[in-house]
Amino acid sequence: MKDPFAPAGALRLKPVDVVGFPAPMDLRPDRAGEADAGLTAGRAEDNDIALVDGRYPSVSAHHCRFERRGSVLSVLDLGSSNGTLVNGHPIEGPVELVVGDVVRLGSVGPKLLVVGSRDLNDTVFVRREELRPNTGEVEAIVQRGRRGSRLRLAVLGVLLLGAASWLAWDSRQSASEMKEELDARSLTYEQRLAEAYAEIAALDLRERDRAQDELDRSESRLATLRSLEGDLIQRAETLESSVKARAAEEARLRDRVVELERTGGDDGVLDRVVRDLEVARADLDTTRSELRDARQKVDLLDPVNLAQARVSGVADVRRTVVLIENEVRIRNVETGAMLFLDGEGPSAQPNFEGRGSEFVLDSTGSGFCIDADGWIFTNAHVVGPPDNELLRAIRSTPLLEQIVEVTVVFSDESTRHDAVVHSRSRKGVDLALLKIEPFEGMPVLEGFSTDVELPLPGSDIFLLGFPLGFLAVQEGETVISSIFRGILSRKVGDQIQVDAGVHPGNSGGPITDTAGRVVGIVVSVQALPDQTAVYTIGYGIPIALAAELWPPAEGSK
């Protein structure tokens, strides 16, 4: 029997679900006329496989290199942070590859399949243990669960609709198998959603324990401050007594001067009294200055004043936070009619005649208003169409198109405002700038600047936004933003790690220091290889990288 994994001519690399690289790639020679060839992969733009769209933060700038010498293809890790894996095993030196091998950039990064030079219609064998789904954007874990039922109906509906219009599908058994597969995937999504809620409950418990520890430490610091405050108050009281004594002495000397001038006393005595009076006045001024300093120190050490200053700065930012609602609809290009679903459950029938309810694929995120002209910062992925089976099918179908509508609503309000996407970052940074029509009383973040230094690692920070969107408790149509307190753990490349509560829906929200200055923008949570999320570890984009979009070009305002 022929070995299915034996090489077949020159080997090529087939990206597996890597956005922007759909087709197999041949290795190009380094110099003309040479048989040897090479190809590099990483996040830097000078790579042959340049993953610059921000989807793969675990990939290094120059992650690995593929080399072909004659008929032998090998892969070499270029000192990446998260390593290169072949068939699930990390490599240390050059490793020869055969057809069917799967090369992965890091334990959760993109995968490349080694294929032969045969026609793509031929069967390609892949080792089963390597066919695990890419983690991709963990932000979609809970949202996919929420939309699982509607998504499977829409996918099935669009495929069935396409069958009626131009594809020659005649197999009801295939449709039944697709429904069973989608039902199984929906159950998996619902299980993941339940796990996410369990993780949130555990996080809340940890947050309460942490708050209690912080309260204990605060009470200890408060006792120390009160002791110091008592010393300062005692000193202030002593100085006040000294001021009164000095004032009485000054009054006594003044009366004596008046008496000597009236009676014509000895000039020498009068001069001494005047000098004593001037000294008393100088001492009095010094004592009053010391008293003012003592009182100021008492005010500065007041824990209530310190806490109120911190809360006030963060509250100013919270007023400007917005919930961003992103709705995607499907339209028939020829007729302009929108897609509807007639009925409920698996039996729902897609149509463009207006029967049933209009199909809407929705998602939420966060943002914040930075200017009185209605400019709002958020993530690019918050205002873009989701990357899923349905929309990928639509993009490959010439008779259908997707219509994206974006609205925002400010925290503690219910009024929706239409928004347009003004610009997206062109440097692979997940940022977007929105524009709404300004209105009277619109909350605006005063003094916003991209020139703000990051706090030192270990510093307190605050995350503001709308975790889980409308899955979280709201007051009817009035939305209320959340504030999570944590620490800035470290800076990794062009991202910062924050140890705080980060959930789907937080994306695009501001990260502030204790003074209320925006130092970053939330972008993602930490993912594990099994696609679960670690909701206490998140990542943000330093606000300095927003300088590419702000301020906008002249004429945009």
Protein backbone atom coordinates (compact mmCIF):
# COMPACT_ATOMS: atom_id res chain seq x y z
CA MET A 1 0.00 0.00 0.00
CA LYS A 2 1.32 3.46 -0.91
CA ASP A 3 2.21 5.71 2.03
CA PRO A 4 -0.42 8.54 1.96
CA PHE A 5 2.04 10.92 3.59
CA ALA A 6 4.89 10.32 1.15
CA PRO A 7 6.13 13.44 -0.71
CA ALA A 8 4.76 14.00 -4.19
CA GLY A 9 7.15 16.24 -6.08
CA ALA A 10 7.85 19.74 -4.77
CA LEU A 11 6.13 20.45 -1.45
CA ARG A 12 3.94 23.51 -0.84
CA LEU A 13 2.36 25.17 2.18
CA LYS A 14 -1.44 25.43 2.52
CA PRO A 15 -2.63 27.98 5.18
CA VAL A 16 -5.48 26.59 7.32
CA ASP A 17 -8.10 29.32 7.99
CA VAL A 18 -5.42 32.07 7.83
CA VAL A 19 -7.12 35.32 6.80
CA GLY A 20 -5.56 36.78 3.63
CA PHE A 21 -3.78 33.57 2.59
CA PRO A 22 -6.38 31.19 1.09
CA ALA A 23 -4.24 29.37 -1.51
CA PRO A 24 -1.24 26.99 -1.27
CA MET A 25 2.13 28.71 -1.64
CA ASP A 26 5.28 27.59 -3.40
CA LEU A 27 8.62 28.43 -1.82
CA ARG A 28 10.47 31.04 -3.89
CA PRO A 29 14.25 30.81 -4.60
CA ASP A 30 16.40 33.28 -2.67
CA ARG A 31 18.37 34.14 -5.81
CA ALA A 32 17.58 33.56 -9.45
CA GLY A 33 18.80 30.29 -10.83
CA GLU A 34 19.17 28.51 -7.47
CA ALA A 35 17.26 25.34 -6.69
CA ASP A 36 17.07 26.10 -2.96
CA ALA A 37 14.09 28.17 -1.80
CA GLY A 38 12.90 29.87 1.39
CA LEU A 39 9.84 31.51 2.93
CA THR A 40 9.39 33.37 6.24
CA ALA A 41 6.29 33.86 8.42
CA GLY A 42 5.56 36.42 11.16
CA ARG A 43 3.81 39.69 12.05
CA ALA A 44 6.37 41.98 10.39
CA GLU A 45 5.46 43.31 6.94
CA ASP A 46 8.69 42.04 5.32
CA ASN A 47 7.65 38.35 5.78
CA ASP A 48 6.38 36.25 2.88
CA ILE A 49 3.46 35.29 5.13
CA ALA A 50 2.86 38.66 6.83
CA LEU A 51 0.19 38.38 9.56
CA VAL A 52 -0.19 42.14 10.07
CA ASP A 53 -3.94 42.47 10.75
CA GLY A 54 -3.69 42.03 14.55
CA ARG A 55 -5.51 38.66 14.63
CA TYR A 56 -2.50 36.72 15.86
CA PRO A 57 -0.88 38.53 18.85
CA SER A 58 1.00 35.37 19.90
CA VAL A 59 3.00 35.34 16.63
CA SER A 60 6.45 37.00 16.76
CA ALA A 61 7.65 39.59 14.25
CA HIS A 62 9.88 36.99 12.52
CA HIS A 63 8.53 33.69 13.78
CA CYS A 64 9.87 30.89 11.57
CA ARG A 65 11.42 30.12 8.19
CA PHE A 66 10.66 27.33 5.70
CA GLU A 67 13.54 26.12 3.53
CA ARG A 68 13.59 23.74 0.56
CA ARG A 69 16.87 22.16 -0.51
CA GLY A 70 16.25 19.95 -3.51
CA SER A 71 13.21 17.84 -2.63
CA VAL A 72 13.63 18.24 1.16
CA LEU A 73 11.39 20.81 2.91
CA SER A 74 12.26 21.83 6.48
CA VAL A 75 11.13 24.43 9.04
CA LEU A 76 13.31 26.42 11.47
CA ASP A 77 12.11 28.49 14.45
CA LEU A 78 13.64 32.01 14.43
CA GLY A 79 13.74 32.47 18.22
CA SER A 80 10.01 33.24 18.52
CA SER A 81 8.42 33.98 21.89
CA ASN A 82 5.88 31.12 21.75
CA GLY A 83 7.79 28.56 19.66
CA THR A 84 6.99 26.64 16.48
CA LEU A 85 5.15 23.27 16.65
CA VAL A 86 5.17 20.42 14.12
CA ASN A 87 2.27 18.00 14.59
CA GLY A 88 1.76 19.44 18.07
CA HIS A 89 5.40 19.09 19.24
CA PRO A 90 7.73 22.10 19.76
CA ILE A 91 10.89 22.09 17.64
CA GLU A 92 14.38 23.20 18.61
CA GLY A 93 16.36 22.92 15.38
CA PRO A 94 15.54 22.39 11.68
CA VAL A 95 12.87 19.70 11.18
CA GLU A 96 12.22 17.97 7.85
CA LEU A 97 8.59 18.02 6.72
CA VAL A 98 6.47 15.58 4.70
CA VAL A 99 3.03 15.80 3.12
CA GLY A 100 0.37 15.97 5.83
CA ASP A 101 2.55 17.62 8.48
CA VAL A 102 0.93 20.58 10.26
CA VAL A 103 3.15 23.50 11.32
CA ARG A 104 1.69 25.85 13.94
CA LEU A 105 3.06 29.27 14.97
CA GLY A 106 2.76 29.03 18.77
CA SER A 107 0.36 26.81 20.67
CA VAL A 108 -2.69 28.94 19.69
CA GLY A 109 -1.46 30.58 16.48
CA PRO A 110 -2.23 29.99 12.77
CA LYS A 111 -1.51 26.64 11.09
CA LEU A 112 0.14 25.72 7.77
CA LEU A 113 -0.45 22.33 6.12
CA VAL A 114 2.29 20.68 4.03
CA VAL A 115 0.81 19.55 0.69
CA GLY A 116 2.28 18.13 -2.49
CA SER A 117 2.37 19.55 -5.99
CA ARG A 118 -0.57 17.40 -7.15
CA ASP A 119 -3.82 19.00 -8.28
CA LEU A 120 -5.90 20.44 -5.45
CA ASN A 121 -8.80 18.16 -6.37
CA ASP A 122 -6.77 15.14 -5.27
CA THR A 123 -7.20 13.81 -1.75
CA VAL A 124 -4.79 15.25 0.82
CA PHE A 125 -4.26 13.20 3.98
CA VAL A 126 -3.85 15.04 7.26
CA ARG A 127 -3.04 13.59 10.64
CA ARG A 128 -6.30 13.59 12.59
CA GLU A 129 -4.85 14.80 15.90
CA GLU A 130 -3.77 18.05 14.23
CA LEU A 131 -7.21 19.04 12.93
CA ARG A 132 -8.24 21.16 15.92
CA PRO A 133 -9.89 24.54 15.32
CA ASN A 134 -7.81 27.69 15.53
CA THR A 135 -8.61 29.77 18.61
CA GLY A 136 -8.84 32.99 16.58
CA GLU A 137 -10.50 35.91 18.37
CA VAL A 138 -11.61 34.76 21.87
CA GLU A 139 -13.85 37.86 21.90
CA ALA A 140 -16.38 35.83 19.83
CA ILE A 141 -16.67 32.88 22.27
CA VAL A 142 -19.69 34.16 24.22
CA GLN A 143 -21.18 36.07 21.24
CA ARG A 144 -21.17 32.95 19.05
CA GLY A 145 -22.98 31.09 21.80
CA ARG A 146 -25.57 33.80 22.02
CA ARG A 147 -26.18 33.78 18.29
CA GLY A 148 -25.76 30.03 17.80
CA SER A 149 -29.40 29.22 17.03
CA ARG A 150 -29.93 32.15 14.71
CA LEU A 151 -26.59 31.61 13.03
CA ARG A 152 -27.25 27.96 12.17
CA LEU A 153 -30.69 28.89 10.79
CA ALA A 154 -29.22 31.68 8.70
CA VAL A 155 -26.38 29.51 7.38
CA LEU A 156 -28.81 26.76 6.44
CA GLY A 157 -31.24 29.30 5.01
CA VAL A 158 -28.70 31.05 2.79
CA LEU A 159 -27.38 27.75 1.49
CA LEU A 160 -30.94 26.53 0.76
CA LEU A 161 -31.79 29.86 -0.87
CA GLY A 162 -28.71 29.63 -3.04
CA ALA A 163 -29.82 26.14 -4.06
CA ALA A 164 -33.12 27.53 -5.35
CA SER A 165 -31.47 30.33 -7.37
CA TRP A 166 -28.43 29.03 -9.14
CA LEU A 167 -26.85 25.87 -7.58
CA ALA A 168 -28.03 22.42 -8.66
CA TRP A 169 -28.56 20.89 -5.24
CA ASP A 170 -30.88 17.91 -5.09
CA SER A 171 -29.87 16.10 -1.92
CA ARG A 172 -32.22 16.44 1.06
CA GLN A 173 -30.01 14.02 2.97
CA SER A 174 -27.09 16.53 2.76
CA ALA A 175 -29.30 19.27 4.24
CA SER A 176 -30.36 16.92 7.07
CA GLU A 177 -26.72 16.09 7.85
CA MET A 178 -25.85 19.81 7.84
CA LYS A 179 -28.67 20.50 10.33
CA GLU A 180 -27.41 17.74 12.62
CA GLU A 181 -23.89 19.15 12.49
CA LEU A 182 -25.11 22.69 13.21
CA ASP A 183 -27.28 21.41 16.09
CA ALA A 184 -24.24 19.70 17.60
CA ARG A 185 -22.14 22.85 17.21
CA SER A 186 -24.92 24.94 18.78
CA LEU A 187 -24.92 22.62 21.80
CA THR A 188 -21.15 23.10 22.07
CA TYR A 189 -21.58 26.89 21.96
CA GLU A 190 -24.28 26.74 24.66
CA GLN A 191 -21.96 24.66 26.85
CA ARG A 192 -19.21 27.23 26.36
CA LEU A 193 -21.62 30.02 27.28
CA ALA A 194 -22.49 28.19 30.50
CA GLU A 195 -18.78 27.79 31.23
CA ALA A 196 -18.29 31.52 30.61
CA TYR A 197 -21.03 32.38 33.13
CA ALA A 198 -19.39 30.02 35.64
CA GLU A 199 -16.06 31.74 35.09
CA ILE A 200 -17.71 35.14 35.61
CA ALA A 201 -19.23 33.94 38.91
CA ALA A 202 -15.82 32.70 40.04
CA LEU A 203 -14.29 36.01 39.02
CA ASP A 204 -16.89 37.92 41.05
CA LEU A 205 -16.01 35.79 44.10
CA ARG A 206 -12.31 36.48 43.61
CA GLU A 207 -13.05 40.19 43.17
CA ARG A 208 -14.95 40.23 46.48
CA ASP A 209 -12.05 38.48 48.24
CA ARG A 210 -9.64 40.94 46.69
CA ALA A 211 -11.84 43.86 47.74
CA GLN A 212 -11.85 42.55 51.34
CA ASP A 213 -8.05 42.27 51.31
CA GLU A 214 -7.83 45.79 49.93
CA LEU A 215 -10.20 46.99 52.65
CA ASP A 216 -8.02 45.41 55.34
CA ARG A 217 -4.92 47.08 53.90
CA SER A 218 -6.78 50.37 53.60
CA GLU A 219 -7.82 50.23 57.27
CA SER A 220 -4.17 49.67 58.24
CA ARG A 221 -3.05 52.61 56.11
CA LEU A 222 -5.92 54.66 57.50
CA ALA A 223 -4.76 54.01 61.06
CA THR A 224 -1.25 55.18 60.13
CA LEU A 225 -2.62 58.26 58.40
CA ARG A 226 -4.85 59.10 61.34
CA SER A 227 -1.87 58.87 63.69
CA LEU A 228 0.09 61.23 61.46
CA GLU A 229 -2.97 63.41 61.07
CA GLY A 230 -3.28 63.62 64.87
CA ASP A 231 0.35 64.78 65.17
CA LEU A 232 -0.23 67.45 62.55
CA ILE A 233 -3.47 68.60 64.17
CA GLN A 234 -1.69 68.87 67.52
CA ARG A 235 1.05 70.91 65.87
CA ALA A 236 -1.57 73.11 64.22
CA GLU A 237 -3.23 73.72 67.60
CA THR A 238 0.15 74.61 69.13
CA LEU A 239 0.82 77.02 66.31
CA GLU A 240 -2.60 78.59 66.73
CA SER A 241 -1.84 79.19 70.41
CA SER A 242 1.50 80.69 69.39
CA VAL A 243 -0.28 82.99 66.92
CA LYS A 244 -2.61 84.20 69.68
CA ALA A 245 0.31 84.76 72.08
CA ARG A 246 2.27 86.65 69.42
CA ALA A 247 -0.77 88.75 68.59
CA ALA A 248 -1.24 89.61 72.30
CA GLU A 249 2.45 90.55 72.57
CA GLU A 250 2.17 92.73 69.49
CA ALA A 251 -0.89 94.49 70.94
CA ARG A 252 0.90 95.04 74.28
CA LEU A 253 3.95 96.56 72.56
CA ARG A 254 1.76 98.72 70.37
CA ASP A 255 -0.03 100.09 73.44
CA ARG A 256 3.34 100.80 75.09
CA VAL A 257 4.56 102.68 72.02
CA VAL A 258 1.42 104.82 72.09
CA GLU A 259 1.85 105.49 75.81
CA LEU A 260 5.53 106.50 75.40
CA GLU A 261 4.71 108.79 72.49
CA ARG A 262 1.95 110.44 74.56
CA THR A 263 4.04 110.96 77.69
CA GLY A 264 7.22 111.86 75.81
CA GLY A 265 9.25 108.98 77.25
CA ASP A 266 12.94 108.32 76.70
CA ASP A 267 13.77 108.00 72.95
CA GLY A 268 16.02 105.01 73.61
CA VAL A 269 13.23 103.14 75.34
CA LEU A 270 10.87 104.01 72.51
CA ASP A 271 13.32 102.71 69.89
CA ARG A 272 13.72 99.40 71.73
CA VAL A 273 9.95 98.97 71.97
CA VAL A 274 9.56 99.66 68.23
CA ARG A 275 12.28 97.10 67.41
CA ASP A 276 10.59 94.58 69.69
CA LEU A 277 7.33 95.28 67.90
CA GLU A 278 8.91 94.67 64.47
CA VAL A 279 10.42 91.38 65.70
CA ALA A 280 7.03 90.35 67.11
CA ARG A 281 5.37 91.11 63.77
CA ALA A 282 8.00 89.03 61.87
CA ASP A 283 7.55 86.13 64.29
CA LEU A 284 3.80 86.40 63.86
CA ASP A 285 4.07 86.22 60.04
CA THR A 286 6.35 83.17 60.28
CA THR A 287 4.03 81.44 62.70
CA ARG A 288 1.00 82.09 60.48
CA SER A 289 2.86 80.65 57.43
CA GLU A 290 3.76 77.50 59.37
CA LEU A 291 0.14 77.20 60.44
CA ARG A 292 -1.09 77.34 56.82
CA ASP A 293 1.44 74.64 55.81
CA ALA A 294 0.32 72.40 58.67
CA ARG A 295 -3.33 72.73 57.69
CA GLN A 296 -2.57 71.94 54.03
CA LYS A 297 -0.72 68.77 55.05
CA VAL A 298 -3.67 67.70 57.15
CA ASP A 299 -5.99 68.16 54.14
CA LEU A 300 -3.66 66.22 51.81
CA LEU A 301 -3.44 63.28 54.22
CA ASP A 302 -7.20 63.03 54.58
CA PRO A 303 -8.10 59.56 53.12
CA VAL A 304 -11.55 60.79 52.18
CA ASN A 305 -10.07 63.56 50.03
CA LEU A 306 -7.71 61.09 48.34
CA ALA A 307 -10.50 58.62 47.54
CA GLN A 308 -12.81 61.36 46.27
CA ALA A 309 -10.13 62.69 43.90
CA ARG A 310 -9.60 59.20 42.44
CA VAL A 311 -13.32 58.47 42.02
CA SER A 312 -13.93 61.87 40.45
CA GLY A 313 -11.30 61.32 37.72
CA VAL A 314 -12.62 57.88 36.71
CA ALA A 315 -16.24 59.11 36.85
CA ASP A 316 -15.42 61.83 34.29
CA VAL A 317 -14.30 59.13 31.86
CA ARG A 318 -17.32 56.88 32.61
CA ARG A 319 -19.73 59.60 31.42
CA THR A 320 -18.18 59.41 27.93
CA VAL A 321 -18.32 55.60 27.53
CA VAL A 322 -20.74 54.33 24.84
CA LEU A 323 -22.31 50.96 24.07
CA ILE A 324 -21.76 50.21 20.37
CA GLU A 325 -24.40 48.08 18.62
CA ASN A 326 -23.40 46.51 15.29
CA GLU A 327 -26.19 45.00 13.14
CA VAL A 328 -25.62 43.06 9.90
CA ARG A 329 -28.49 42.39 7.47
CA ILE A 330 -28.53 40.49 4.16
CA ARG A 331 -29.85 42.04 0.93
CA ASN A 332 -30.56 40.66 -2.52
CA VAL A 333 -28.40 42.68 -4.93
CA GLU A 334 -30.79 42.34 -7.89
CA THR A 335 -34.08 43.20 -6.14
CA GLY A 336 -32.91 45.16 -3.09
CA ALA A 337 -35.11 42.98 -0.87
CA MET A 338 -33.90 42.02 2.63
CA LEU A 339 -33.64 38.44 3.93
CA PHE A 340 -36.48 37.24 6.20
CA LEU A 341 -37.01 34.02 8.20
CA ASP A 342 -40.53 32.58 8.19
CA GLY A 343 -41.16 30.43 11.27
CA GLU A 344 -39.12 29.34 14.26
CA GLY A 345 -36.50 26.68 14.87
CA PRO A 346 -35.04 24.36 12.23
CA SER A 347 -38.18 24.60 10.09
CA ALA A 348 -37.79 28.37 9.50
CA GLN A 349 -37.83 29.20 5.79
CA PRO A 350 -35.59 31.96 4.35
CA ASN A 351 -37.25 34.29 1.85
CA PHE A 352 -37.02 37.74 0.29
CA GLU A 353 -40.81 38.29 0.16
CA GLY A 354 -41.08 39.78 3.67
CA ARG A 355 -42.61 36.70 5.33
CA GLY A 356 -41.77 36.28 9.02
CA SER A 357 -39.14 38.43 10.75
CA GLU A 358 -36.16 40.17 9.20
CA PHE A 359 -32.85 38.39 9.75
CA VAL A 360 -30.38 40.45 11.84
CA LEU A 361 -26.94 39.32 13.04
CA ASP A 362 -26.01 41.62 15.93
CA SER A 363 -23.03 42.17 18.22
CA THR A 364 -21.96 44.76 20.80
CA GLY A 365 -18.79 46.47 22.01
CA SER A 366 -17.61 49.59 23.80
CA GLY A 367 -16.10 52.97 22.94
CA PHE A 368 -15.64 56.48 24.36
CA CYS A 369 -16.29 60.02 23.07
CA ILE A 370 -13.19 62.23 22.95
CA ASP A 371 -14.30 65.43 21.18
CA ALA A 372 -17.25 67.85 21.09
CA ASP A 373 -17.62 67.21 17.33
CA GLY A 374 -18.76 63.65 18.04
CA TRP A 375 -15.57 61.62 17.57
CA ILE A 376 -15.48 58.18 19.24
CA PHE A 377 -12.61 55.69 19.61
CA THR A 378 -13.17 51.88 19.59
CA ASN A 379 -11.71 48.65 18.11
CA ALA A 380 -11.90 48.00 14.38
CA HIS A 381 -13.32 44.51 15.00
CA VAL A 382 -16.22 46.00 17.02
CA VAL A 383 -17.60 47.90 13.99
CA GLY A 384 -16.71 45.35 11.31
CA PRO A 385 -18.82 42.38 10.18
CA PRO A 386 -18.16 39.22 12.23
CA ASP A 387 -15.94 36.56 10.66
CA ASN A 388 -18.21 33.49 10.57
CA GLU A 389 -19.57 30.83 8.20
CA LEU A 390 -22.63 32.82 7.16
CA LEU A 391 -20.84 36.03 6.16
CA ARG A 392 -18.03 34.12 4.46
CA ALA A 393 -20.66 32.35 2.36
CA ILE A 394 -22.30 35.69 1.52
CA ARG A 395 -19.02 37.25 0.44
CA SER A 396 -18.57 34.39 -2.04
CA THR A 397 -22.14 34.76 -3.36
CA PRO A 398 -22.51 37.50 -6.01
CA LEU A 399 -26.30 37.80 -5.60
CA LEU A 400 -26.16 38.67 -1.88
CA GLU A 401 -24.53 41.49 0.08
CA GLN A 402 -24.22 42.41 3.74
CA ILE A 403 -25.49 45.73 5.12
CA VAL A 404 -23.71 46.94 8.30
CA GLU A 405 -25.38 49.52 10.58
CA VAL A 406 -23.65 50.98 13.67
CA THR A 407 -25.35 52.89 16.52
CA VAL A 408 -24.07 54.12 19.89
CA VAL A 409 -25.76 54.94 23.20
CA PHE A 410 -24.06 56.75 26.08
CA SER A 411 -23.84 55.27 29.57
CA ASP A 412 -26.89 56.07 31.76
CA GLU A 413 -28.92 56.98 28.65
CA SER A 414 -31.23 55.16 26.21
CA THR A 415 -31.11 57.32 23.07
CA ARG A 416 -29.43 55.65 20.07
CA HIS A 417 -27.24 57.72 17.74
CA ASP A 418 -26.29 56.63 14.21
CA ALA A 419 -22.53 56.34 13.72
CA VAL A 420 -20.29 56.08 10.67
CA VAL A 421 -16.82 54.54 10.56
CA HIS A 422 -14.52 57.42 9.63
CA SER A 423 -11.18 55.57 9.55
CA ARG A 424 -9.38 52.38 10.58
CA SER A 425 -5.73 51.94 11.44
CA ARG A 426 -3.60 50.96 8.43
CA LYS A 427 -0.69 49.66 10.54
CA GLY A 428 -2.27 46.42 11.75
CA VAL A 429 -3.52 48.02 15.00
CA ASP A 430 -7.10 47.08 15.96
CA LEU A 431 -8.42 50.67 16.23
CA ALA A 432 -11.22 52.61 14.53
CA LEU A 433 -12.50 56.21 14.73
CA LEU A 434 -16.29 56.77 14.57
CA LYS A 435 -18.30 59.94 14.02
CA ILE A 436 -21.78 60.85 15.29
CA GLU A 437 -23.76 64.07 15.00
CA PRO A 438 -23.02 66.13 18.15
CA PHE A 439 -25.97 67.04 20.37
CA GLU A 440 -26.61 69.39 23.28
CA GLY A 441 -25.24 68.04 26.55
CA MET A 442 -23.18 65.32 24.84
CA PRO A 443 -20.61 63.91 27.33
CA VAL A 444 -17.05 64.52 26.12
CA LEU A 445 -13.70 63.47 27.60
CA GLU A 446 -11.98 66.78 28.32
CA GLY A 447 -8.25 67.07 27.68
CA PHE A 448 -7.92 63.78 25.72
CA SER A 449 -4.39 63.21 24.43
CA THR A 450 -2.48 60.35 22.83
CA ASP A 451 0.72 61.65 24.44
CA VAL A 452 0.23 59.96 27.84
CA GLU A 453 2.89 57.77 29.44
CA LEU A 454 1.88 54.30 30.60
CA PRO A 455 1.86 53.72 34.39
CA LEU A 456 4.61 51.54 35.80
CA PRO A 457 3.92 47.78 35.98
CA GLY A 458 2.01 47.05 39.18
CA SER A 459 0.11 50.36 39.09
CA ASP A 460 -3.66 50.46 39.63
CA ILE A 461 -5.76 50.86 36.47
CA PHE A 462 -9.48 50.94 35.66
CA LEU A 463 -11.34 49.32 32.70
CA LEU A 464 -14.65 50.84 31.59
CA GLY A 465 -17.21 49.39 29.17
CA PHE A 466 -20.15 47.05 28.67
CA PRO A 467 -19.12 43.43 29.40
CA LEU A 468 -21.47 40.92 27.70
CA GLY A 469 -23.56 43.80 26.29
CA PHE A 470 -27.30 43.21 26.88
CA LEU A 471 -26.63 39.84 28.48
CA ALA A 472 -25.65 41.84 31.56
CA VAL A 473 -28.42 43.37 33.68
CA GLN A 474 -29.60 46.78 32.38
CA GLU A 475 -32.42 49.16 33.34
CA GLY A 476 -34.71 48.58 30.39
CA GLU A 477 -33.41 50.52 27.40
CA THR A 478 -31.09 52.57 29.64
CA VAL A 479 -27.58 51.11 29.56
CA ILE A 480 -25.16 51.32 32.48
CA SER A 481 -21.43 50.87 31.95
CA SER A 482 -19.23 48.84 34.30
CA ILE A 483 -15.92 49.72 35.95
CA PHE A 484 -13.31 47.02 36.66
CA ARG A 485 -10.30 47.73 38.85
CA GLY A 486 -7.01 45.88 38.31
CA ILE A 487 -3.31 46.37 37.73
CA LEU A 488 -1.16 47.00 34.69
CA SER A 489 0.89 43.79 34.66
CA ARG A 490 3.37 44.35 31.81
CA LYS A 491 3.95 45.66 28.28
CA VAL A 492 4.39 43.08 25.52
CA GLY A 493 5.31 44.46 22.10
CA ASP A 494 2.55 46.84 21.02
CA GLN A 495 0.11 45.62 23.69
CA ILE A 496 -0.25 45.98 27.47
CA GLN A 497 -1.40 43.16 29.76
CA VAL A 498 -4.01 44.08 32.36
CA ASP A 499 -4.95 41.79 35.23
CA ALA A 500 -8.62 42.73 35.66
CA GLY A 501 -12.09 41.54 34.68
CA VAL A 502 -12.16 41.50 30.84
CA HIS A 503 -15.16 39.99 29.02
CA PRO A 504 -16.63 40.03 25.50
CA GLY A 505 -18.25 43.44 25.07
CA ASN A 506 -15.38 45.28 26.85
CA SER A 507 -13.55 45.61 23.53
CA GLY A 508 -13.00 49.25 22.57
CA GLY A 509 -13.50 50.59 26.11
CA PRO A 510 -10.94 52.93 27.74
CA ILE A 511 -8.24 51.94 30.26
CA THR A 512 -7.42 54.75 32.73
CA ASP A 513 -4.89 55.41 35.44
CA THR A 514 -5.95 56.51 38.94
CA ALA A 515 -6.02 60.16 37.81
CA GLY A 516 -8.63 59.41 35.14
CA ARG A 517 -6.23 59.75 32.17
CA VAL A 518 -6.87 57.30 29.30
CA VAL A 519 -3.70 55.21 28.86
CA GLY A 520 -5.04 52.44 26.59
CA ILE A 521 -7.99 50.75 24.85
CA VAL A 522 -9.22 47.20 25.65
CA VAL A 523 -8.76 44.78 22.73
CA SER A 524 -8.92 41.09 23.82
CA VAL A 525 -8.77 38.45 26.55
CA GLN A 526 -6.25 35.65 27.05
CA ALA A 527 -7.09 32.39 25.26
CA LEU A 528 -6.24 28.80 26.13
CA PRO A 529 -5.62 26.07 23.52
CA ASP A 530 -9.11 24.62 24.07
CA GLN A 531 -10.71 27.97 23.07
CA THR A 532 -11.70 28.87 26.64
CA ALA A 533 -10.89 32.34 27.91
CA VAL A 534 -9.04 33.51 31.03
CA TYR A 535 -11.26 36.46 31.96
CA THR A 536 -8.84 37.83 34.57
CA ILE A 537 -6.09 38.43 31.98
CA GLY A 538 -6.73 40.87 29.16
CA TYR A 539 -4.83 42.97 26.67
CA GLY A 540 -5.04 46.59 25.62
CA ILE A 541 -3.58 48.91 22.99
CA PRO A 542 -1.42 51.78 24.38
CA ILE A 543 -3.14 55.08 23.67
CA ALA A 544 0.01 56.35 21.94
CA LEU A 545 -0.81 54.09 18.95
CA ALA A 546 -4.07 56.00 18.44
CA ALA A 547 -2.00 58.95 17.17
CA GLU A 548 -2.29 57.42 13.68
CA LEU A 549 -6.02 58.28 13.66
CA TRP A 550 -6.14 61.32 15.97
CA PRO A 551 -6.47 64.12 15.24
CA PRO A 552 -8.21 63.39 11.90
CA ALA A 553 -7.01 65.06 8.73
CA GLU A 554 -8.01 68.66 8.07
CA GLY A 555 -11.46 68.87 6.55
CA SER A 556 -12.73 65.74 8.30
CA LYS A 557 -14.25 67.58 11.26
